[in-house]
Amino acid sequence: LIPPFGASFIAWSTDEEITNWLHRARPALDDAEVSRYRIALEAVRERGFSITVPSDPQLRFAAALERIGDDPTAQEQINEILGEIAHSDYLTAELTPTGPIRVTQLSSPVFDAAGHVVSSIMAMGPDRELTTDEAMALGRLVLDASTRATQSLGGQRPDRLR
C-alpha cells in the first residue's frame, strides 16, 4: 500500500507504521502533504471510514487500467499516475457543506479480536453528485457493515490509535 491507497487499513496503525506508509509515496511527499495525510488519517479514525473524491490523475489511472492488457505503455503510465494521485486531494479529511460533491469510494475497516485491521469494506460512490449529508449517510452505512463484520469475527474496533 502506498499513499493515498489503504487509508482504512493504515489509519489505526502505530505512528511508525503510518510514517513508513507515508514514506512509500513516489515522488516523496513534502512536509505539507505529510501533514495533510496525517490530518486525513485522524479524520478516518474519528469517522470510522475513509472518503475519496475523484481527481484528474485518478480518472487517468482508471483509463490506463482498462488498457493494461492491450497497451504495453499502460503499466508505465500507471506508475507515473500513482505518483500524481499521492500528491492530489484524493483522500478527503473533511467534507464541507458547501455544494455537491462526487465520491469515488468509502471504506471502513474490519478488525480482529486483537484490534488489527484484517479487511476493509468498500462502497463505490454513485455516478452522481451528493450533498455532504448524503455522503456521510453512505459512509455510516459502510461503517455499520464493517462493525457487523467485526462483531461476527469476534473482533473489536480500537478506541484510539495504538
Protein backbone atom coordinates (compact mmCIF):
# COMPACT_ATOMS: atom_id res chain seq x y z
CA LEU A 1 0.00 0.00 0.00
CA ILE A 2 1.21 3.46 -0.90
CA PRO A 3 -0.41 6.82 -0.17
CA PRO A 4 -3.24 7.56 -0.70
CA PHE A 5 -4.31 3.92 -1.05
CA GLY A 6 -5.10 1.88 2.03
CA ALA A 7 -6.13 4.65 4.41
CA SER A 8 -8.76 2.45 6.05
CA PHE A 9 -6.06 -0.18 6.63
CA ILE A 10 -3.37 2.19 7.91
CA ALA A 11 -5.35 4.76 9.95
CA TRP A 12 -5.36 2.59 13.10
CA SER A 13 -1.66 1.71 12.83
CA THR A 14 1.16 2.89 15.03
CA ASP A 15 2.83 6.20 14.27
CA GLU A 16 5.89 4.32 13.00
CA GLU A 17 3.74 2.26 10.59
CA ILE A 18 1.99 5.41 9.37
CA THR A 19 5.34 7.13 8.85
CA ASN A 20 6.60 4.12 6.85
CA TRP A 21 3.42 4.22 4.72
CA LEU A 22 3.87 7.94 4.07
CA HIS A 23 7.49 7.39 3.02
CA ARG A 24 6.41 4.91 0.30
CA ALA A 25 4.97 7.71 -1.86
CA ARG A 26 6.96 8.38 -5.03
CA PRO A 27 7.82 11.11 -5.60
CA ALA A 28 8.23 11.78 -1.89
CA LEU A 29 5.60 13.81 -0.07
CA ASP A 30 6.60 17.26 1.13
CA ASP A 31 6.00 18.37 4.74
CA ALA A 32 2.64 19.98 3.95
CA GLU A 33 1.42 16.80 2.21
CA VAL A 34 2.56 14.62 5.13
CA SER A 35 0.66 16.90 7.47
CA ARG A 36 -2.45 16.74 5.25
CA TYR A 37 -2.29 12.94 5.22
CA ARG A 38 -1.93 12.75 9.00
CA ILE A 39 -4.97 15.02 9.38
CA ALA A 40 -6.90 12.86 6.90
CA LEU A 41 -5.97 9.65 8.78
CA GLU A 42 -7.15 11.22 12.03
CA ALA A 43 -10.45 12.07 10.31
CA VAL A 44 -10.74 8.46 9.11
CA ARG A 45 -10.30 7.24 12.71
CA GLU A 46 -12.85 9.76 14.03
CA ARG A 47 -15.47 8.94 11.36
CA GLY A 48 -14.69 5.24 11.19
CA PHE A 49 -14.43 5.33 7.39
CA SER A 50 -12.42 6.94 4.62
CA ILE A 51 -13.83 9.05 1.80
CA THR A 52 -12.10 9.60 -1.50
CA VAL A 53 -13.05 12.03 -4.20
CA PRO A 54 -12.15 11.96 -7.89
CA SER A 55 -9.18 13.82 -9.27
CA ASP A 56 -7.81 14.13 -12.78
CA PRO A 57 -4.98 11.65 -12.05
CA GLN A 58 -7.48 9.15 -10.63
CA LEU A 59 -9.58 9.34 -13.81
CA ARG A 60 -6.47 8.80 -15.97
CA PHE A 61 -5.47 5.89 -13.71
CA ALA A 62 -8.80 4.16 -14.33
CA ALA A 63 -8.42 4.67 -18.08
CA ALA A 64 -4.88 3.23 -18.04
CA LEU A 65 -6.07 0.19 -16.08
CA GLU A 66 -8.60 -0.52 -18.81
CA ARG A 67 -5.78 -0.58 -21.40
CA ILE A 68 -3.26 -2.63 -19.41
CA GLY A 69 -3.74 -5.83 -21.43
CA ASP A 70 -3.64 -4.11 -24.83
CA ASP A 71 -1.16 -1.26 -24.41
CA PRO A 72 2.47 -2.02 -23.47
CA THR A 73 2.92 1.55 -22.19
CA ALA A 74 -0.07 1.37 -19.84
CA GLN A 75 1.95 -0.02 -16.88
CA GLU A 76 4.47 2.81 -17.16
CA GLN A 77 1.60 5.32 -17.29
CA ILE A 78 0.00 3.69 -14.24
CA ASN A 79 3.24 4.04 -12.26
CA GLU A 80 3.51 7.74 -13.16
CA ILE A 81 -0.14 8.41 -12.37
CA LEU A 82 0.12 6.67 -8.98
CA GLY A 83 2.73 9.25 -8.01
CA GLU A 84 0.41 12.06 -9.08
CA ILE A 85 -2.52 10.62 -7.13
CA ALA A 86 -0.40 10.59 -3.95
CA HIS A 87 0.03 14.35 -4.34
CA SER A 88 -3.65 15.07 -5.03
CA ASP A 89 -6.63 15.62 -2.73
CA TYR A 90 -7.90 12.06 -3.38
CA LEU A 91 -8.13 11.22 0.35
CA THR A 92 -10.53 13.66 1.96
CA ALA A 93 -10.07 14.80 5.54
CA GLU A 94 -13.20 16.89 5.82
CA LEU A 95 -16.30 17.38 3.75
CA THR A 96 -17.51 20.94 3.59
CA PRO A 97 -21.25 21.53 3.49
CA THR A 98 -20.96 23.96 0.58
CA GLY A 99 -22.20 22.47 -2.65
CA PRO A 100 -22.43 19.00 -4.08
CA ILE A 101 -19.52 16.55 -4.15
CA ARG A 102 -18.74 13.41 -6.07
CA VAL A 103 -17.49 10.46 -4.01
CA THR A 104 -15.19 7.85 -5.54
CA GLN A 105 -15.42 5.38 -2.69
CA LEU A 106 -15.97 4.95 1.03
CA SER A 107 -14.09 2.31 3.05
CA SER A 108 -14.28 1.08 6.63
CA PRO A 109 -12.01 -1.49 8.26
CA VAL A 110 -12.89 -4.84 9.78
CA PHE A 111 -10.92 -5.70 12.94
CA ASP A 112 -9.89 -8.98 14.55
CA ALA A 113 -10.01 -9.79 18.28
CA ALA A 114 -6.66 -8.06 18.82
CA GLY A 115 -7.91 -4.86 17.17
CA HIS A 116 -5.86 -5.29 13.98
CA VAL A 117 -7.34 -4.47 10.58
CA VAL A 118 -7.91 -7.71 8.68
CA SER A 119 -10.13 -6.48 5.87
CA SER A 120 -11.99 -3.45 4.61
CA ILE A 121 -15.50 -2.97 3.31
CA MET A 122 -15.70 -0.60 0.38
CA ALA A 123 -18.64 1.01 -1.37
CA MET A 124 -18.05 2.69 -4.68
CA GLY A 125 -19.53 6.16 -4.96
CA PRO A 126 -22.64 6.67 -7.03
CA ASP A 127 -22.42 8.16 -10.52
CA ARG A 128 -23.95 11.42 -9.37
CA GLU A 129 -23.08 14.26 -7.06
CA LEU A 130 -24.13 14.07 -3.42
CA THR A 131 -24.73 16.51 -0.63
CA THR A 132 -22.36 16.26 2.33
CA ASP A 133 -25.21 14.77 4.39
CA GLU A 134 -25.81 12.07 1.75
CA ALA A 135 -22.09 11.23 1.57
CA MET A 136 -21.88 10.96 5.35
CA ALA A 137 -25.01 8.79 5.45
CA LEU A 138 -23.44 6.41 2.91
CA GLY A 139 -20.26 6.36 4.98
CA ARG A 140 -22.24 5.46 8.09
CA LEU A 141 -23.81 2.53 6.18
CA VAL A 142 -20.32 1.28 5.28
CA LEU A 143 -19.25 1.75 8.91
CA ASP A 144 -22.30 -0.20 10.10
CA ALA A 145 -21.41 -3.05 7.72
CA SER A 146 -17.78 -3.15 8.89
CA THR A 147 -18.92 -3.03 12.52
CA ARG A 148 -21.20 -6.02 11.95
CA ALA A 149 -18.38 -7.88 10.17
CA THR A 150 -16.00 -7.07 13.04
CA GLN A 151 -18.52 -8.35 15.57
CA SER A 152 -19.17 -11.54 13.60
CA LEU A 153 -15.41 -12.25 13.69
CA GLY A 154 -15.30 -11.65 17.44
CA GLY A 155 -13.24 -8.57 16.70
CA GLN A 156 -13.05 -5.19 18.33
CA ARG A 157 -12.57 -1.70 16.97
CA PRO A 158 -9.76 0.09 18.84
CA ASP A 159 -10.85 3.20 20.70
CA ARG A 160 -7.83 5.11 19.50
CA LEU A 161 -4.51 4.87 17.71
CA ARG A 162 -2.38 2.04 19.08
